[in-house]
Amino acid sequence: ETDMLPVGFGAMVLESFVGVIAIVTAGIMFGDMNTAGTGALN
């Protein structure tokens, strides 16, 4: 049962960090990309 915190809570926290990296990556790449229709960078 002690595994539940790192498995349940910890995995989600790490996934949120992946989301942060995606935000930063797209934010940096925005300078040489454009916004074409979908709202995603293209």
PDB file of all heavy atoms in Angstrom:
ATOM      1  N   GLU A   1       0.810  -1.218   0.000  1.00  0.00           N
ATOM      2  CA  GLU A   1       0.000   0.000   0.000  1.00  0.00           C
ATOM      3  C   GLU A   1       0.843   1.268   0.000  1.00  0.00           C
ATOM      4  O   GLU A   1       0.392   2.321  -0.462  1.00  0.00           O
ATOM      5  CB  GLU A   1      -0.959  -0.002   1.196  1.00  0.00           C
ATOM      6  CG  GLU A   1      -2.120  -0.972   1.035  1.00  0.00           C
ATOM      7  CD  GLU A   1      -3.240  -0.703   2.034  1.00  0.00           C
ATOM      8  OE1 GLU A   1      -3.165   0.312   2.766  1.00  0.00           O
ATOM      9  OE2 GLU A   1      -4.197  -1.498   2.080  1.00  0.00           O
ATOM     10  N   THR A   2       2.067   1.201   0.500  1.00  0.00           N
ATOM     11  CA  THR A   2       2.930   2.387   0.486  1.00  0.00           C
ATOM     12  C   THR A   2       3.335   2.783  -0.932  1.00  0.00           C
ATOM     13  O   THR A   2       3.805   3.902  -1.146  1.00  0.00           O
ATOM     14  CB  THR A   2       4.201   2.152   1.326  1.00  0.00           C
ATOM     15  OG1 THR A   2       4.890   0.994   0.819  1.00  0.00           O
ATOM     16  CG2 THR A   2       3.853   1.923   2.793  1.00  0.00           C
ATOM     17  N   ASP A   3       3.151   1.873  -1.887  1.00  0.00           N
ATOM     18  CA  ASP A   3       3.478   2.180  -3.283  1.00  0.00           C
ATOM     19  C   ASP A   3       2.413   3.076  -3.932  1.00  0.00           C
ATOM     20  O   ASP A   3       2.652   3.647  -4.995  1.00  0.00           O
ATOM     21  CB  ASP A   3       3.593   0.890  -4.113  1.00  0.00           C
ATOM     22  CG  ASP A   3       4.738  -0.001  -3.652  1.00  0.00           C
ATOM     23  OD1 ASP A   3       5.584   0.470  -2.879  1.00  0.00           O
ATOM     24  OD2 ASP A   3       4.776  -1.168  -4.072  1.00  0.00           O
ATOM     25  N   MET A   4       1.254   3.197  -3.295  1.00  0.00           N
ATOM     26  CA  MET A   4       0.152   3.906  -3.941  1.00  0.00           C
ATOM     27  C   MET A   4       0.433   5.389  -4.145  1.00  0.00           C
ATOM     28  O   MET A   4       0.027   5.967  -5.156  1.00  0.00           O
ATOM     29  CB  MET A   4      -1.147   3.729  -3.132  1.00  0.00           C
ATOM     30  CG  MET A   4      -1.717   2.323  -3.198  1.00  0.00           C
ATOM     31  SD  MET A   4      -3.388   2.226  -2.502  1.00  0.00           S
ATOM     32  CE  MET A   4      -3.056   2.467  -0.763  1.00  0.00           C
ATOM     33  N   LEU A   5       1.138   6.036  -3.203  1.00  0.00           N
ATOM     34  CA  LEU A   5       1.412   7.467  -3.345  1.00  0.00           C
ATOM     35  C   LEU A   5       2.321   7.764  -4.531  1.00  0.00           C
ATOM     36  O   LEU A   5       1.967   8.584  -5.388  1.00  0.00           O
ATOM     37  CB  LEU A   5       2.000   8.033  -2.057  1.00  0.00           C
ATOM     38  CG  LEU A   5       2.298   9.536  -2.086  1.00  0.00           C
ATOM     39  CD1 LEU A   5       1.014  10.339  -2.280  1.00  0.00           C
ATOM     40  CD2 LEU A   5       3.014   9.977  -0.801  1.00  0.00           C
ATOM     41  N   PRO A   6       3.487   7.115  -4.645  1.00  0.00           N
ATOM     42  CA  PRO A   6       4.313   7.384  -5.828  1.00  0.00           C
ATOM     43  C   PRO A   6       3.666   6.932  -7.137  1.00  0.00           C
ATOM     44  O   PRO A   6       3.856   7.570  -8.172  1.00  0.00           O
ATOM     45  CB  PRO A   6       5.616   6.611  -5.556  1.00  0.00           C
ATOM     46  CG  PRO A   6       5.279   5.609  -4.509  1.00  0.00           C
ATOM     47  CD  PRO A   6       4.191   6.229  -3.696  1.00  0.00           C
ATOM     48  N   VAL A   7       2.897   5.858  -7.097  1.00  0.00           N
ATOM     49  CA  VAL A   7       2.266   5.362  -8.319  1.00  0.00           C
ATOM     50  C   VAL A   7       1.107   6.263  -8.725  1.00  0.00           C
ATOM     51  O   VAL A   7       1.021   6.709  -9.870  1.00  0.00           O
ATOM     52  CB  VAL A   7       1.763   3.908  -8.128  1.00  0.00           C
ATOM     53  CG1 VAL A   7       0.911   3.474  -9.314  1.00  0.00           C
ATOM     54  CG2 VAL A   7       2.948   2.964  -7.972  1.00  0.00           C
ATOM     55  N   GLY A   8       0.194   6.543  -7.794  1.00  0.00           N
ATOM     56  CA  GLY A   8      -0.988   7.330  -8.124  1.00  0.00           C
ATOM     57  C   GLY A   8      -0.725   8.814  -8.204  1.00  0.00           C
ATOM     58  O   GLY A   8      -0.987   9.458  -9.226  1.00  0.00           O
ATOM     59  N   PHE A   9      -0.196   9.396  -7.132  1.00  0.00           N
ATOM     60  CA  PHE A   9       0.047  10.835  -7.072  1.00  0.00           C
ATOM     61  C   PHE A   9       1.294  11.211  -7.865  1.00  0.00           C
ATOM     62  O   PHE A   9       1.304  12.176  -8.642  1.00  0.00           O
ATOM     63  CB  PHE A   9       0.205  11.263  -5.609  1.00  0.00           C
ATOM     64  CG  PHE A   9      -0.117  12.703  -5.340  1.00  0.00           C
ATOM     65  CD1 PHE A   9      -1.354  13.065  -4.815  1.00  0.00           C
ATOM     66  CD2 PHE A   9       0.805  13.704  -5.596  1.00  0.00           C
ATOM     67  CE1 PHE A   9      -1.665  14.402  -4.542  1.00  0.00           C
ATOM     68  CE2 PHE A   9       0.513  15.039  -5.337  1.00  0.00           C
ATOM     69  CZ  PHE A   9      -0.729  15.390  -4.809  1.00  0.00           C
ATOM     70  N   GLY A  10       2.376  10.443  -7.684  1.00  0.00           N
ATOM     71  CA  GLY A  10       3.658  10.782  -8.305  1.00  0.00           C
ATOM     72  C   GLY A  10       3.643  10.724  -9.813  1.00  0.00           C
ATOM     73  O   GLY A  10       4.231  11.583 -10.489  1.00  0.00           O
ATOM     74  N   ALA A  11       2.990   9.720 -10.388  1.00  0.00           N
ATOM     75  CA  ALA A  11       2.949   9.594 -11.846  1.00  0.00           C
ATOM     76  C   ALA A  11       2.239  10.787 -12.472  1.00  0.00           C
ATOM     77  O   ALA A  11       2.634  11.286 -13.527  1.00  0.00           O
ATOM     78  CB  ALA A  11       2.260   8.285 -12.246  1.00  0.00           C
ATOM     79  N   MET A  12       1.173  11.283 -11.815  1.00  0.00           N
ATOM     80  CA  MET A  12       0.441  12.435 -12.346  1.00  0.00           C
ATOM     81  C   MET A  12       1.278  13.700 -12.255  1.00  0.00           C
ATOM     82  O   MET A  12       1.276  14.535 -13.171  1.00  0.00           O
ATOM     83  CB  MET A  12      -0.876  12.605 -11.585  1.00  0.00           C
ATOM     84  CG  MET A  12      -1.715  13.779 -12.071  1.00  0.00           C
ATOM     85  SD  MET A  12      -2.217  13.613 -13.806  1.00  0.00           S
ATOM     86  CE  MET A  12      -1.911  15.267 -14.398  1.00  0.00           C
ATOM     87  N   VAL A  13       2.013  13.875 -11.168  1.00  0.00           N
ATOM     88  CA  VAL A  13       2.885  15.038 -11.023  1.00  0.00           C
ATOM     89  C   VAL A  13       3.946  15.047 -12.125  1.00  0.00           C
ATOM     90  O   VAL A  13       4.238  16.090 -12.715  1.00  0.00           O
ATOM     91  CB  VAL A  13       3.548  15.042  -9.624  1.00  0.00           C
ATOM     92  CG1 VAL A  13       4.699  16.037  -9.563  1.00  0.00           C
ATOM     93  CG2 VAL A  13       2.513  15.373  -8.553  1.00  0.00           C
ATOM     94  N   LEU A  14       4.516  13.881 -12.404  1.00  0.00           N
ATOM     95  CA  LEU A  14       5.518  13.801 -13.465  1.00  0.00           C
ATOM     96  C   LEU A  14       4.895  14.084 -14.825  1.00  0.00           C
ATOM     97  O   LEU A  14       5.509  14.722 -15.690  1.00  0.00           O
ATOM     98  CB  LEU A  14       6.191  12.422 -13.461  1.00  0.00           C
ATOM     99  CG  LEU A  14       7.359  12.233 -14.437  1.00  0.00           C
ATOM    100  CD1 LEU A  14       8.449  13.264 -14.170  1.00  0.00           C
ATOM    101  CD2 LEU A  14       7.934  10.816 -14.328  1.00  0.00           C
ATOM    102  N   GLU A  15       3.666  13.632 -15.036  1.00  0.00           N
ATOM    103  CA  GLU A  15       2.999  13.920 -16.300  1.00  0.00           C
ATOM    104  C   GLU A  15       2.749  15.424 -16.462  1.00  0.00           C
ATOM    105  O   GLU A  15       2.889  15.975 -17.554  1.00  0.00           O
ATOM    106  CB  GLU A  15       1.663  13.176 -16.407  1.00  0.00           C
ATOM    107  CG  GLU A  15       0.946  13.470 -17.712  1.00  0.00           C
ATOM    108  CD  GLU A  15      -0.318  12.657 -17.910  1.00  0.00           C
ATOM    109  OE1 GLU A  15      -0.721  11.947 -16.973  1.00  0.00           O
ATOM    110  OE2 GLU A  15      -0.892  12.724 -19.003  1.00  0.00           O
ATOM    111  N   SER A  16       2.380  16.093 -15.380  1.00  0.00           N
ATOM    112  CA  SER A  16       2.205  17.544 -15.444  1.00  0.00           C
ATOM    113  C   SER A  16       3.511  18.226 -15.827  1.00  0.00           C
ATOM    114  O   SER A  16       3.505  19.231 -16.549  1.00  0.00           O
ATOM    115  CB  SER A  16       1.702  18.075 -14.094  1.00  0.00           C
ATOM    116  OG  SER A  16       0.387  17.643 -13.837  1.00  0.00           O
ATOM    117  N   PHE A  17       4.628  17.674 -15.356  1.00  0.00           N
ATOM    118  CA  PHE A  17       5.929  18.240 -15.713  1.00  0.00           C
ATOM    119  C   PHE A  17       6.197  18.077 -17.209  1.00  0.00           C
ATOM    120  O   PHE A  17       6.789  18.963 -17.846  1.00  0.00           O
ATOM    121  CB  PHE A  17       7.041  17.580 -14.900  1.00  0.00           C
ATOM    122  CG  PHE A  17       8.386  18.222 -15.084  1.00  0.00           C
ATOM    123  CD1 PHE A  17       8.601  19.543 -14.706  1.00  0.00           C
ATOM    124  CD2 PHE A  17       9.441  17.513 -15.641  1.00  0.00           C
ATOM    125  CE1 PHE A  17       9.845  20.139 -14.887  1.00  0.00           C
ATOM    126  CE2 PHE A  17      10.678  18.098 -15.828  1.00  0.00           C
ATOM    127  CZ  PHE A  17      10.885  19.417 -15.440  1.00  0.00           C
ATOM    128  N   VAL A  18       5.775  16.951 -17.775  1.00  0.00           N
ATOM    129  CA  VAL A  18       5.881  16.773 -19.225  1.00  0.00           C
ATOM    130  C   VAL A  18       5.069  17.856 -19.936  1.00  0.00           C
ATOM    131  O   VAL A  18       5.489  18.417 -20.949  1.00  0.00           O
ATOM    132  CB  VAL A  18       5.394  15.365 -19.655  1.00  0.00           C
ATOM    133  CG1 VAL A  18       5.350  15.247 -21.182  1.00  0.00           C
ATOM    134  CG2 VAL A  18       6.302  14.290 -19.076  1.00  0.00           C
ATOM    135  N   GLY A  19       3.883  18.158 -19.400  1.00  0.00           N
ATOM    136  CA  GLY A  19       3.069  19.227 -19.963  1.00  0.00           C
ATOM    137  C   GLY A  19       3.776  20.565 -19.911  1.00  0.00           C
ATOM    138  O   GLY A  19       3.705  21.367 -20.859  1.00  0.00           O
ATOM    139  N   VAL A  20       4.486  20.836 -18.806  1.00  0.00           N
ATOM    140  CA  VAL A  20       5.251  22.087 -18.674  1.00  0.00           C
ATOM    141  C   VAL A  20       6.341  22.155 -19.743  1.00  0.00           C
ATOM    142  O   VAL A  20       6.544  23.196 -20.383  1.00  0.00           O
ATOM    143  CB  VAL A  20       5.876  22.195 -17.260  1.00  0.00           C
ATOM    144  CG1 VAL A  20       6.846  23.377 -17.190  1.00  0.00           C
ATOM    145  CG2 VAL A  20       4.793  22.333 -16.206  1.00  0.00           C
ATOM    146  N   ILE A  21       7.041  21.042 -19.950  1.00  0.00           N
ATOM    147  CA  ILE A  21       8.094  21.004 -20.965  1.00  0.00           C
ATOM    148  C   ILE A  21       7.510  21.263 -22.353  1.00  0.00           C
ATOM    149  O   ILE A  21       8.103  21.974 -23.174  1.00  0.00           O
ATOM    150  CB  ILE A  21       8.828  19.649 -20.927  1.00  0.00           C
ATOM    151  CG1 ILE A  21       9.625  19.515 -19.625  1.00  0.00           C
ATOM    152  CG2 ILE A  21       9.766  19.499 -22.130  1.00  0.00           C
ATOM    153  CD1 ILE A  21      10.273  18.165 -19.442  1.00  0.00           C
ATOM    154  N   ALA A  22       6.328  20.698 -22.613  1.00  0.00           N
ATOM    155  CA  ALA A  22       5.671  20.927 -23.906  1.00  0.00           C
ATOM    156  C   ALA A  22       5.334  22.403 -24.091  1.00  0.00           C
ATOM    157  O   ALA A  22       5.516  22.965 -25.185  1.00  0.00           O
ATOM    158  CB  ALA A  22       4.409  20.072 -24.010  1.00  0.00           C
ATOM    159  N   ILE A  23       4.839  23.047 -23.043  1.00  0.00           N
ATOM    160  CA  ILE A  23       4.512  24.477 -23.113  1.00  0.00           C
ATOM    161  C   ILE A  23       5.755  25.296 -23.422  1.00  0.00           C
ATOM    162  O   ILE A  23       5.752  26.167 -24.297  1.00  0.00           O
ATOM    163  CB  ILE A  23       3.885  24.949 -21.786  1.00  0.00           C
ATOM    164  CG1 ILE A  23       2.517  24.291 -21.574  1.00  0.00           C
ATOM    165  CG2 ILE A  23       3.753  26.476 -21.756  1.00  0.00           C
ATOM    166  CD1 ILE A  23       1.958  24.494 -20.174  1.00  0.00           C
ATOM    167  N   VAL A  24       6.830  25.022 -22.701  1.00  0.00           N
ATOM    168  CA  VAL A  24       8.072  25.778 -22.888  1.00  0.00           C
ATOM    169  C   VAL A  24       8.650  25.532 -24.281  1.00  0.00           C
ATOM    170  O   VAL A  24       9.081  26.470 -24.969  1.00  0.00           O
ATOM    171  CB  VAL A  24       9.101  25.391 -21.804  1.00  0.00           C
ATOM    172  CG1 VAL A  24      10.467  26.018 -22.105  1.00  0.00           C
ATOM    173  CG2 VAL A  24       8.613  25.836 -20.428  1.00  0.00           C
ATOM    174  N   THR A  25       8.638  24.278 -24.720  1.00  0.00           N
ATOM    175  CA  THR A  25       9.177  23.945 -26.047  1.00  0.00           C
ATOM    176  C   THR A  25       8.416  24.671 -27.147  1.00  0.00           C
ATOM    177  O   THR A  25       9.004  25.293 -28.032  1.00  0.00           O
ATOM    178  CB  THR A  25       9.100  22.421 -26.285  1.00  0.00           C
ATOM    179  OG1 THR A  25       9.840  21.752 -25.272  1.00  0.00           O
ATOM    180  CG2 THR A  25       9.684  22.061 -27.647  1.00  0.00           C
ATOM    181  N   ALA A  26       7.089  24.610 -27.100  1.00  0.00           N
ATOM    182  CA  ALA A  26       6.278  25.288 -28.113  1.00  0.00           C
ATOM    183  C   ALA A  26       6.442  26.796 -28.015  1.00  0.00           C
ATOM    184  O   ALA A  26       6.442  27.502 -29.031  1.00  0.00           O
ATOM    185  CB  ALA A  26       4.810  24.899 -27.950  1.00  0.00           C
ATOM    186  N   GLY A  27       6.594  27.304 -26.786  1.00  0.00           N
ATOM    187  CA  GLY A  27       6.791  28.737 -26.602  1.00  0.00           C
ATOM    188  C   GLY A  27       8.083  29.229 -27.223  1.00  0.00           C
ATOM    189  O   GLY A  27       8.137  30.320 -27.802  1.00  0.00           O
ATOM    190  N   ILE A  28       9.135  28.425 -27.113  1.00  0.00           N
ATOM    191  CA  ILE A  28      10.420  28.773 -27.719  1.00  0.00           C
ATOM    192  C   ILE A  28      10.359  28.646 -29.236  1.00  0.00           C
ATOM    193  O   ILE A  28      10.872  29.487 -29.976  1.00  0.00           O
ATOM    194  CB  ILE A  28      11.539  27.868 -27.155  1.00  0.00           C
ATOM    195  CG1 ILE A  28      11.743  28.151 -25.666  1.00  0.00           C
ATOM    196  CG2 ILE A  28      12.845  28.071 -27.913  1.00  0.00           C
ATOM    197  CD1 ILE A  28      12.675  27.177 -24.973  1.00  0.00           C
ATOM    198  N   MET A  29       9.694  27.586 -29.707  1.00  0.00           N
ATOM    199  CA  MET A  29       9.618  27.340 -31.149  1.00  0.00           C
ATOM    200  C   MET A  29       8.716  28.336 -31.868  1.00  0.00           C
ATOM    201  O   MET A  29       8.759  28.454 -33.084  1.00  0.00           O
ATOM    202  CB  MET A  29       9.087  25.921 -31.396  1.00  0.00           C
ATOM    203  CG  MET A  29      10.019  24.807 -30.934  1.00  0.00           C
ATOM    204  SD  MET A  29      11.429  24.599 -32.018  1.00  0.00           S
ATOM    205  CE  MET A  29      10.660  23.702 -33.372  1.00  0.00           C
ATOM    206  N   PHE A  30       7.893  29.056 -31.114  1.00  0.00           N
ATOM    207  CA  PHE A  30       6.910  29.950 -31.722  1.00  0.00           C
ATOM    208  C   PHE A  30       7.563  31.008 -32.615  1.00  0.00           C
ATOM    209  O   PHE A  30       6.978  31.442 -33.607  1.00  0.00           O
ATOM    210  CB  PHE A  30       6.104  30.639 -30.620  1.00  0.00           C
ATOM    211  CG  PHE A  30       4.996  31.522 -31.138  1.00  0.00           C
ATOM    212  CD1 PHE A  30       3.755  30.989 -31.415  1.00  0.00           C
ATOM    213  CD2 PHE A  30       5.202  32.881 -31.342  1.00  0.00           C
ATOM    214  CE1 PHE A  30       2.726  31.784 -31.886  1.00  0.00           C
ATOM    215  CE2 PHE A  30       4.179  33.691 -31.819  1.00  0.00           C
ATOM    216  CZ  PHE A  30       2.946  33.143 -32.090  1.00  0.00           C
ATOM    217  N   GLY A  31       8.773  31.397 -32.282  1.00  0.00           N
ATOM    218  CA  GLY A  31       9.437  32.458 -33.021  1.00  0.00           C
ATOM    219  C   GLY A  31       9.637  32.170 -34.489  1.00  0.00           C
ATOM    220  O   GLY A  31       9.670  33.097 -35.309  1.00  0.00           O
ATOM    221  N   ASP A  32       9.772  30.908 -34.875  1.00  0.00           N
ATOM    222  CA  ASP A  32       9.965  30.590 -36.289  1.00  0.00           C
ATOM    223  C   ASP A  32       8.828  29.710 -36.812  1.00  0.00           C
ATOM    224  O   ASP A  32       9.001  28.894 -37.693  1.00  0.00           O
ATOM    225  CB  ASP A  32      11.311  29.894 -36.523  1.00  0.00           C
ATOM    226  CG  ASP A  32      11.468  28.626 -35.719  1.00  0.00           C
ATOM    227  OD1 ASP A  32      10.800  28.521 -34.700  1.00  0.00           O
ATOM    228  OD2 ASP A  32      12.261  27.767 -36.101  1.00  0.00           O
ATOM    229  N   MET A  33       7.652  29.870 -36.208  1.00  0.00           N
ATOM    230  CA  MET A  33       6.473  29.148 -36.670  1.00  0.00           C
ATOM    231  C   MET A  33       5.308  30.113 -36.766  1.00  0.00           C
ATOM    232  O   MET A  33       5.394  31.275 -36.387  1.00  0.00           O
ATOM    233  CB  MET A  33       6.119  28.008 -35.706  1.00  0.00           C
ATOM    234  CG  MET A  33       7.154  26.900 -35.704  1.00  0.00           C
ATOM    235  SD  MET A  33       6.649  25.526 -34.661  1.00  0.00           S
ATOM    236  CE  MET A  33       8.037  24.419 -34.920  1.00  0.00           C
ATOM    237  N   ASN A  34       4.202  29.634 -37.263  1.00  0.00           N
ATOM    238  CA  ASN A  34       3.029  30.489 -37.375  1.00  0.00           C
ATOM    239  C   ASN A  34       1.813  29.771 -36.827  1.00  0.00           C
ATOM    240  O   ASN A  34       1.848  28.578 -36.581  1.00  0.00           O
ATOM    241  CB  ASN A  34       2.785  30.860 -38.847  1.00  0.00           C
ATOM    242  CG  ASN A  34       2.631  29.630 -39.705  1.00  0.00           C
ATOM    243  OD1 ASN A  34       1.604  28.973 -39.685  1.00  0.00           O
ATOM    244  ND2 ASN A  34       3.663  29.295 -40.469  1.00  0.00           N
ATOM    245  N   THR A  35       0.753  30.487 -36.608  1.00  0.00           N
ATOM    246  CA  THR A  35      -0.486  29.875 -36.125  1.00  0.00           C
ATOM    247  C   THR A  35      -1.424  29.693 -37.298  1.00  0.00           C
ATOM    248  O   THR A  35      -1.972  30.641 -37.811  1.00  0.00           O
ATOM    249  CB  THR A  35      -1.143  30.761 -35.053  1.00  0.00           C
ATOM    250  OG1 THR A  35      -1.293  32.075 -35.586  1.00  0.00           O
ATOM    251  CG2 THR A  35      -0.292  30.825 -33.818  1.00  0.00           C
ATOM    252  N   ALA A  36      -1.596  28.454 -37.710  1.00  0.00           N
ATOM    253  CA  ALA A  36      -2.363  28.184 -38.938  1.00  0.00           C
ATOM    254  C   ALA A  36      -3.607  27.383 -38.640  1.00  0.00           C
ATOM    255  O   ALA A  36      -3.606  26.165 -38.699  1.00  0.00           O
ATOM    256  CB  ALA A  36      -1.491  27.451 -39.948  1.00  0.00           C
ATOM    257  N   GLY A  37      -4.650  28.065 -38.255  1.00  0.00           N
ATOM    258  CA  GLY A  37      -5.976  27.444 -38.268  1.00  0.00           C
ATOM    259  C   GLY A  37      -6.390  26.646 -37.063  1.00  0.00           C
ATOM    260  O   GLY A  37      -7.478  26.829 -36.553  1.00  0.00           O
ATOM    261  N   THR A  38      -5.551  25.741 -36.590  1.00  0.00           N
ATOM    262  CA  THR A  38      -6.021  24.810 -35.562  1.00  0.00           C
ATOM    263  C   THR A  38      -5.815  25.343 -34.159  1.00  0.00           C
ATOM    264  O   THR A  38      -6.354  24.802 -33.208  1.00  0.00           O
ATOM    265  CB  THR A  38      -5.265  23.470 -35.661  1.00  0.00           C
ATOM    266  OG1 THR A  38      -3.879  23.704 -35.373  1.00  0.00           O
ATOM    267  CG2 THR A  38      -5.393  22.886 -37.045  1.00  0.00           C
ATOM    268  N   GLY A  39      -5.029  26.393 -34.018  1.00  0.00           N
ATOM    269  CA  GLY A  39      -4.679  26.844 -32.683  1.00  0.00           C
ATOM    270  C   GLY A  39      -3.368  26.232 -32.251  1.00  0.00           C
ATOM    271  O   GLY A  39      -2.696  26.724 -31.361  1.00  0.00           O
ATOM    272  N   ALA A  40      -2.951  25.121 -32.871  1.00  0.00           N
ATOM    273  CA  ALA A  40      -1.642  24.545 -32.620  1.00  0.00           C
ATOM    274  C   ALA A  40      -0.619  25.291 -33.464  1.00  0.00           C
ATOM    275  O   ALA A  40      -0.944  25.899 -34.464  1.00  0.00           O
ATOM    276  CB  ALA A  40      -1.645  23.058 -32.995  1.00  0.00           C
ATOM    277  N   LEU A  41       0.633  25.246 -33.043  1.00  0.00           N
ATOM    278  CA  LEU A  41       1.684  25.907 -33.799  1.00  0.00           C
ATOM    279  C   LEU A  41       2.026  25.080 -35.022  1.00  0.00           C
ATOM    280  O   LEU A  41       2.088  23.862 -34.960  1.00  0.00           O
ATOM    281  CB  LEU A  41       2.923  26.091 -32.915  1.00  0.00           C
ATOM    282  CG  LEU A  41       2.666  26.835 -31.601  1.00  0.00           C
ATOM    283  CD1 LEU A  41       3.905  26.827 -30.732  1.00  0.00           C
ATOM    284  CD2 LEU A  41       2.235  28.252 -31.877  1.00  0.00           C
ATOM    285  N   ASN A  42       2.282  25.739 -36.135  1.00  0.00           N
ATOM    286  CA  ASN A  42       2.518  25.024 -37.385  1.00  0.00           C
ATOM    287  C   ASN A  42       3.680  25.630 -38.159  1.00  0.00           C
ATOM    288  O   ASN A  42       3.873  26.839 -38.157  1.00  0.00           O
ATOM    289  CB  ASN A  42       1.276  25.079 -38.300  1.00  0.00           C
ATOM    290  CG  ASN A  42       0.120  24.306 -37.713  1.00  0.00           C
ATOM    291  OD1 ASN A  42      -0.041  23.138 -37.989  1.00  0.00           O
ATOM    292  ND2 ASN A  42      -0.656  24.966 -36.882  1.00  0.00           N
TER     293      ASN A  42
END
